[in-house]
Protein backbone atom coordinates (compact mmCIF):
# COMPACT_ATOMS: atom_id res chain seq x y z
CA MET A 1 0.00 0.00 0.00
CA LYS A 2 2.81 2.39 0.89
CA GLU A 3 4.48 1.76 -2.49
CA LEU A 4 1.21 2.58 -4.28
CA ILE A 5 0.89 5.84 -2.38
CA ILE A 6 4.48 6.76 -3.18
CA LYS A 7 4.09 5.72 -6.82
CA TYR A 8 0.89 7.74 -7.29
CA LYS A 9 1.76 10.61 -4.96
CA SER A 10 1.36 13.29 -7.65
CA VAL A 11 -2.00 11.87 -8.76
CA LEU A 12 -3.25 11.69 -5.18
CA LYS A 13 -2.01 15.22 -4.50
CA PHE A 14 -3.84 16.49 -7.58
CA ILE A 15 -7.10 14.72 -6.64
CA LEU A 16 -7.01 15.82 -3.01
CA THR A 17 -6.07 19.40 -3.87
CA PHE A 18 -8.77 19.58 -6.53
CA LEU A 19 -11.43 18.20 -4.17
CA LEU A 20 -10.38 20.49 -1.32
CA VAL A 21 -10.30 23.66 -3.44
CA TYR A 22 -13.54 22.72 -5.19
CA ALA A 23 -15.27 22.02 -1.85
CA VAL A 24 -14.08 25.29 -0.28
CA LEU A 25 -15.03 27.41 -3.29
CA THR A 26 -18.39 25.66 -3.71
CA PHE A 27 -19.20 26.03 0.00
CA SER A 28 -18.22 29.72 -0.14
CA TYR A 29 -20.42 30.20 -3.19
CA LYS A 30 -23.35 28.48 -1.49
CA LEU A 31 -22.91 30.84 1.48
CA TYR A 32 -22.85 33.77 -0.92
CA LEU A 33 -26.09 32.55 -2.51
CA GLN A 34 -27.70 31.99 0.85
CA TYR A 35 -26.75 35.35 2.36
CA GLY A 36 -26.04 37.48 -0.71
CA SER A 37 -29.51 37.84 -2.13
CA SER A 38 -31.15 41.23 -2.11
CA GLU A 39 -34.05 43.08 -3.62
CA THR A 40 -31.66 45.49 -5.35
CA TYR A 41 -29.73 42.71 -7.10
CA TYR A 42 -32.36 40.00 -7.41
CA PRO A 43 -31.89 37.03 -7.21
CA ASP A 44 -28.18 37.56 -6.47
CA TYR A 45 -25.60 40.06 -7.66
CA MET A 46 -23.86 37.87 -10.27
CA THR A 47 -27.05 36.54 -11.87
CA ASN A 48 -28.50 40.05 -11.92
CA LEU A 49 -25.29 41.38 -13.50
CA VAL A 50 -25.30 38.73 -16.26
CA ALA A 51 -28.96 39.47 -17.01
CA LYS A 52 -28.40 43.23 -17.22
CA GLN A 53 -25.21 42.93 -19.26
CA SER A 54 -26.99 40.53 -21.63
CA ARG A 55 -29.74 43.12 -22.06
CA GLU A 56 -27.16 45.82 -22.83
CA ILE A 57 -25.44 43.66 -25.46
CA LEU A 58 -28.78 42.75 -27.03
CA GLU A 59 -29.72 46.43 -27.19
CA SER A 60 -26.36 47.25 -28.81
CA LEU A 61 -27.24 44.64 -31.46
CA GLY A 62 -30.50 46.43 -32.24
CA TYR A 63 -32.95 44.39 -30.18
CA GLN A 64 -35.37 45.95 -27.74
CA ALA A 65 -34.51 44.01 -24.58
CA GLN A 66 -35.72 43.99 -21.00
CA VAL A 67 -34.84 42.03 -17.90
CA VAL A 68 -37.32 41.84 -15.07
CA PRO A 69 -37.42 39.77 -11.90
CA HIS A 70 -39.51 36.64 -12.26
CA ALA A 71 -42.59 36.82 -10.03
CA THR A 72 -42.56 33.22 -8.81
CA GLU A 73 -38.94 32.02 -8.92
CA PRO A 74 -35.45 33.43 -8.23
CA THR A 75 -34.61 34.25 -11.84
CA MET A 76 -34.56 37.19 -14.21
CA LYS A 77 -36.85 37.09 -17.25
CA LEU A 78 -35.15 38.10 -20.48
CA ILE A 79 -37.55 39.69 -22.94
CA ILE A 80 -36.66 40.53 -26.54
CA ASN A 81 -39.00 42.77 -28.56
CA ASN A 82 -41.76 42.12 -25.99
CA LYS A 83 -41.34 38.33 -26.30
CA TYR A 84 -40.29 36.42 -23.18
CA VAL A 85 -37.47 34.21 -24.45
CA ALA A 86 -35.40 33.01 -21.49
CA ARG A 87 -34.84 32.91 -17.78
CA VAL A 88 -31.44 33.92 -16.47
CA ILE A 89 -30.95 31.62 -13.51
CA GLU A 90 -28.10 31.25 -11.03
CA GLY A 91 -26.58 28.55 -13.24
CA CYS A 92 -26.30 31.08 -16.09
CA ASN A 93 -23.89 33.36 -14.27
CA SER A 94 -20.78 31.21 -14.94
CA VAL A 95 -19.64 31.12 -11.31
CA SER A 96 -19.95 27.32 -11.02
CA VAL A 97 -17.94 26.85 -14.21
CA ILE A 98 -15.30 29.30 -12.95
CA ILE A 99 -15.08 27.36 -9.66
CA LEU A 100 -14.51 24.13 -11.58
CA PHE A 101 -11.89 25.82 -13.79
CA ALA A 102 -10.03 27.42 -10.88
CA SER A 103 -10.04 24.22 -8.84
CA PHE A 104 -8.37 22.32 -11.66
CA ILE A 105 -5.76 25.03 -12.29
CA ILE A 106 -4.90 25.31 -8.60
CA ALA A 107 -4.67 21.51 -8.29
CA PHE A 108 -2.29 21.46 -11.27
CA THR A 109 -0.46 24.44 -9.87
CA GLY A 110 2.41 26.27 -11.42
CA LYS A 111 4.26 29.29 -10.11
CA ILE A 112 2.03 31.20 -7.68
CA LYS A 113 1.96 34.45 -9.67
CA THR A 114 1.37 32.60 -12.96
CA THR A 115 -1.35 30.46 -11.38
CA PHE A 116 -3.10 33.51 -9.95
CA LEU A 117 -2.93 35.44 -13.23
CA TYR A 118 -4.10 32.44 -15.27
CA VAL A 119 -7.04 31.82 -12.94
CA LEU A 120 -7.94 35.51 -13.13
CA ALA A 121 -7.59 35.76 -16.93
CA GLY A 122 -9.34 32.42 -17.48
CA SER A 123 -12.20 33.43 -15.18
CA VAL A 124 -12.69 36.71 -17.04
CA LEU A 125 -12.61 34.85 -20.37
CA ILE A 126 -15.14 32.27 -19.13
CA TYR A 127 -17.39 35.07 -17.84
CA VAL A 128 -17.25 36.96 -21.16
CA VAL A 129 -17.80 33.85 -23.28
CA ASN A 130 -20.70 32.88 -21.01
CA LEU A 131 -22.20 36.34 -21.43
CA ILE A 132 -21.91 36.03 -25.22
CA ARG A 133 -23.41 32.53 -24.90
CA VAL A 134 -26.46 33.92 -23.04
CA VAL A 135 -26.92 36.62 -25.69
CA ILE A 136 -26.60 34.25 -28.66
CA LEU A 137 -28.83 31.69 -26.96
CA SER A 138 -31.45 34.39 -26.33
CA ILE A 139 -31.32 35.51 -29.96
CA GLY A 140 -31.57 31.87 -31.03
CA LEU A 141 -34.57 31.32 -28.78
CA TYR A 142 -36.18 34.49 -30.11
CA HIS A 143 -35.80 33.49 -33.77
CA TYR A 144 -35.85 29.67 -33.47
CA PRO A 145 -37.82 28.71 -30.34
CA TRP A 146 -38.36 25.17 -31.68
CA ARG A 147 -34.54 24.64 -31.44
CA LYS A 148 -34.56 25.30 -27.68
CA ASP A 149 -33.46 21.82 -26.59
CA ILE A 150 -30.48 21.49 -28.90
CA LEU A 151 -29.37 25.10 -28.33
CA HIS A 152 -29.63 25.00 -24.55
CA THR A 153 -28.62 21.44 -23.74
CA VAL A 154 -26.08 20.56 -26.47
CA ILE A 155 -24.53 23.40 -28.43
CA PHE A 156 -24.00 26.06 -25.80
CA PRO A 157 -22.81 23.77 -22.98
CA ALA A 158 -20.37 22.24 -25.48
CA ILE A 159 -19.00 25.71 -26.24
CA ILE A 160 -18.45 26.75 -22.61
CA TYR A 161 -17.14 23.39 -21.36
CA GLY A 162 -15.08 22.89 -24.51
CA MET A 163 -13.40 26.23 -23.91
CA VAL A 164 -12.72 25.29 -20.28
CA CYS A 165 -11.11 22.03 -21.42
CA LEU A 166 -8.93 23.93 -23.89
CA LEU A 167 -7.87 26.34 -21.14
CA TRP A 168 -7.00 23.36 -18.91
CA LEU A 169 -4.97 21.69 -21.65
CA PHE A 170 -3.14 24.92 -22.39
CA TRP A 171 -2.37 25.32 -18.68
CA VAL A 172 -1.07 21.78 -18.19
CA ASN A 173 1.07 21.89 -21.32
CA ARG A 174 2.38 25.41 -20.89
CA PHE A 175 2.49 26.55 -17.25
CA SER A 176 1.87 23.83 -14.68
CA ASN A 177 4.56 22.21 -12.54
CA HIS A 178 3.44 18.90 -14.11
CA LYS A 179 4.87 20.09 -17.44
CA GLU A 180 8.17 21.09 -15.84
CA SER A 181 8.64 17.75 -14.10
CA HIS A 182 8.18 15.79 -17.35
CA GLU A 183 10.46 17.72 -19.72
C-alpha cells in the first residue's frame, strides 16, 4: 500500500487538492447565494449582472430588450421585442464553471503568480464567453424557439465546457509544474 501511495503521490495530491479547493469554493459560493440575495440585485448580484449585461449587449445589437425579476422564482426574465425568451438563472452566471476551472488550475499548480494570473484571466474569459453565450442563446430562442433543446442542452454547454477544457490543456502543457517535471 505504501508503495502505491508513493508511486501515485502526484495523482493523489492532484485529486485531493482539486477536491479540497472545489469544496471550499463551492461552500463559499453556497454561502454567498444563501446570504447574498437582495431586492436590489435580485436574485443575487452575479445573476442580476449577467442578465443586465446581456440586455445591454442585445440592445447594442438592435434588439429591444428587457430584464425583469420573475414573479414566482429566483430568476430574471429576459424579454426581446416584448417576447419572453429566457430565464437567467443562477446557473447562467458562470460562477460554477469558474469554480470548476479554478479548482483544476490550482490543483495542477504552477508558479504562484502565474497560477493567480491564469485563474484571473481564465475566469474573465469564461465570464465573457458565457455572457456572449447567453446573448446568442437568447437571440436563437427568439428566432428559433423550436430549437430550444439542442441550443440549450447541447450546443452552448459544449462551447463553454469545450473552452474550459482547452484552457486546462493549455495550462497543463504550458504553465503547470506537471509540465516542468516531465520535460
